[in-house]
Amino acid sequence: MSNFVQSLKLWFAPERIRDDGDTPDYRFSLANERTFLAWLRTALALIGGGFAVDQFLPDLRWGWRIGLALALLAAGVLCSLRAVNHWVRCERAMRRGEDLPTSRFPTVLSLAVAVVAVAMVVVVLFGWEG
């Protein structure tokens, strides 16, 4: 838990990461930042998809519409939070000369998006009214 708290503190004071280990090759830090930005773009796409489902599918039964929209919005929120956490964990590992951290989050996110996609296929095949 204390490792999580240390990482959380670095979210709001990233300059403190310089106190940990040695400066890695800048190319690696910049690649880590590009990965962070890719995760944020993914989060924005999920959030946009959630709003699109809610706003542009008014004929969809309320429960389906809200459920799918909330699933996409929640995935976007989790993705954005995970992006900064992953950036900090990778930056710390590079500075310490450790292996980069592994994560199950890409698998979880992929499964969540797949479930929403399958639900949308069901809705399209069996009609909007349910």
Protein backbone atom coordinates (compact mmCIF):
# COMPACT_ATOMS: atom_id res chain seq x y z
CA MET A 1 0.00 0.00 0.00
CA SER A 2 2.83 2.41 0.75
CA ASN A 3 4.18 1.87 -2.79
CA PHE A 4 0.78 2.94 -4.15
CA VAL A 5 0.77 6.02 -1.89
CA GLN A 6 4.27 6.95 -3.10
CA SER A 7 3.14 6.57 -6.71
CA LEU A 8 0.02 8.62 -6.02
CA LYS A 9 2.12 11.45 -4.57
CA LEU A 10 4.20 11.46 -7.76
CA TRP A 11 1.04 12.03 -9.82
CA PHE A 12 0.85 15.55 -8.38
CA ALA A 13 4.57 16.23 -7.97
CA PRO A 14 6.29 14.47 -10.89
CA GLU A 15 9.48 16.48 -10.42
CA ARG A 16 10.11 14.41 -7.29
CA ILE A 17 10.70 11.37 -9.48
CA ARG A 18 14.18 12.78 -10.15
CA ASP A 19 15.06 11.96 -6.53
CA ASP A 20 14.74 8.25 -7.33
CA GLY A 21 17.59 6.48 -9.14
CA ASP A 22 19.49 7.70 -12.19
CA THR A 23 18.27 9.63 -15.19
CA PRO A 24 17.45 7.17 -17.99
CA ASP A 25 18.13 7.80 -21.65
CA TYR A 26 15.74 10.59 -22.64
CA ARG A 27 14.45 8.53 -25.55
CA PHE A 28 13.00 6.03 -23.07
CA SER A 29 11.36 8.75 -20.97
CA LEU A 30 9.89 10.31 -24.10
CA ALA A 31 8.62 6.92 -25.28
CA ASN A 32 7.02 6.45 -21.86
CA GLU A 33 5.34 9.84 -22.26
CA ARG A 34 4.06 8.92 -25.74
CA THR A 35 2.59 5.73 -24.30
CA PHE A 36 0.91 7.83 -21.59
CA LEU A 37 -0.58 10.10 -24.27
CA ALA A 38 -1.81 7.07 -26.24
CA TRP A 39 -3.62 5.81 -23.13
CA LEU A 40 -5.19 9.26 -22.70
CA ARG A 41 -6.36 9.25 -26.32
CA THR A 42 -7.90 5.84 -25.69
CA ALA A 43 -9.61 7.20 -22.56
CA LEU A 44 -10.99 10.17 -24.50
CA ALA A 45 -12.29 7.85 -27.23
CA LEU A 46 -14.05 5.68 -24.64
CA ILE A 47 -15.57 8.73 -22.96
CA GLY A 48 -16.66 10.09 -26.33
CA GLY A 49 -18.19 6.71 -27.16
CA GLY A 50 -20.11 6.75 -23.89
CA PHE A 51 -21.56 10.17 -24.64
CA ALA A 52 -22.32 9.15 -28.23
CA VAL A 53 -24.29 6.10 -27.08
CA ASP A 54 -26.24 8.24 -24.64
CA GLN A 55 -26.94 11.13 -27.01
CA PHE A 56 -27.33 9.52 -30.41
CA LEU A 57 -29.27 6.37 -29.58
CA PRO A 58 -32.44 7.81 -28.02
CA ASP A 59 -34.58 4.97 -29.37
CA LEU A 60 -32.51 2.39 -27.53
CA ARG A 61 -34.26 1.06 -24.44
CA TRP A 62 -33.24 3.17 -21.42
CA GLY A 63 -31.51 0.35 -19.51
CA TRP A 64 -29.40 -0.68 -22.48
CA ARG A 65 -28.51 2.89 -23.38
CA ILE A 66 -27.49 3.90 -19.87
CA GLY A 67 -25.72 0.61 -19.21
CA LEU A 68 -23.62 0.81 -22.37
CA ALA A 69 -22.91 4.52 -21.90
CA LEU A 70 -21.85 4.05 -18.27
CA ALA A 71 -19.66 1.08 -19.17
CA LEU A 72 -17.81 3.15 -21.77
CA LEU A 73 -17.54 6.18 -19.48
CA ALA A 74 -16.23 4.04 -16.61
CA ALA A 75 -13.68 2.41 -18.90
CA GLY A 76 -12.54 5.89 -19.98
CA VAL A 77 -12.15 7.05 -16.39
CA LEU A 78 -10.21 3.93 -15.43
CA CYS A 79 -8.04 4.21 -18.52
CA SER A 80 -7.11 7.82 -17.76
CA LEU A 81 -6.25 7.02 -14.15
CA ARG A 82 -4.30 3.96 -15.20
CA ALA A 83 -2.36 6.04 -17.74
CA VAL A 84 -0.78 8.29 -15.13
CA ASN A 85 -0.17 5.40 -12.74
CA HIS A 86 1.55 3.38 -15.47
CA TRP A 87 3.65 6.37 -16.50
CA VAL A 88 4.91 6.85 -12.92
CA ARG A 89 5.59 3.13 -12.40
CA CYS A 90 7.53 2.86 -15.67
CA GLU A 91 9.51 6.04 -15.05
CA ARG A 92 10.50 4.82 -11.59
CA ALA A 93 11.49 1.41 -12.91
CA MET A 94 13.66 2.96 -15.63
CA ARG A 95 15.36 5.26 -13.13
CA ARG A 96 16.06 2.30 -10.82
CA GLY A 97 17.28 0.03 -13.61
CA GLU A 98 14.47 -2.44 -12.91
CA ASP A 99 12.29 -4.39 -15.30
CA LEU A 100 9.30 -2.45 -16.49
CA PRO A 101 6.15 -3.27 -14.51
CA THR A 102 3.65 -5.68 -15.95
CA SER A 103 -0.04 -5.01 -15.94
CA ARG A 104 -3.29 -6.87 -16.45
CA PHE A 105 -5.08 -3.63 -17.26
CA PRO A 106 -4.77 -3.93 -21.06
CA THR A 107 -6.45 -7.33 -20.86
CA VAL A 108 -9.20 -6.06 -18.57
CA LEU A 109 -9.81 -3.02 -20.79
CA SER A 110 -9.88 -5.19 -23.91
CA LEU A 111 -12.40 -7.54 -22.34
CA ALA A 112 -14.59 -4.63 -21.19
CA VAL A 113 -14.59 -3.10 -24.67
CA ALA A 114 -15.32 -6.51 -26.19
CA VAL A 115 -18.30 -7.02 -23.86
CA VAL A 116 -19.70 -3.61 -24.78
CA ALA A 117 -19.14 -4.38 -28.49
CA VAL A 118 -20.94 -7.72 -28.19
CA ALA A 119 -23.81 -6.00 -26.38
CA MET A 120 -24.02 -3.47 -29.21
CA VAL A 121 -24.07 -6.31 -31.77
CA VAL A 122 -26.96 -7.91 -29.86
CA VAL A 123 -28.81 -4.59 -29.81
CA VAL A 124 -28.29 -4.10 -33.56
CA LEU A 125 -29.34 -7.65 -34.42
CA PHE A 126 -32.42 -7.77 -32.20
CA GLY A 127 -33.57 -4.18 -32.52
CA TRP A 128 -33.44 -0.96 -30.58
CA GLU A 129 -36.59 -1.44 -28.56
CA GLY A 130 -35.36 -4.64 -26.88
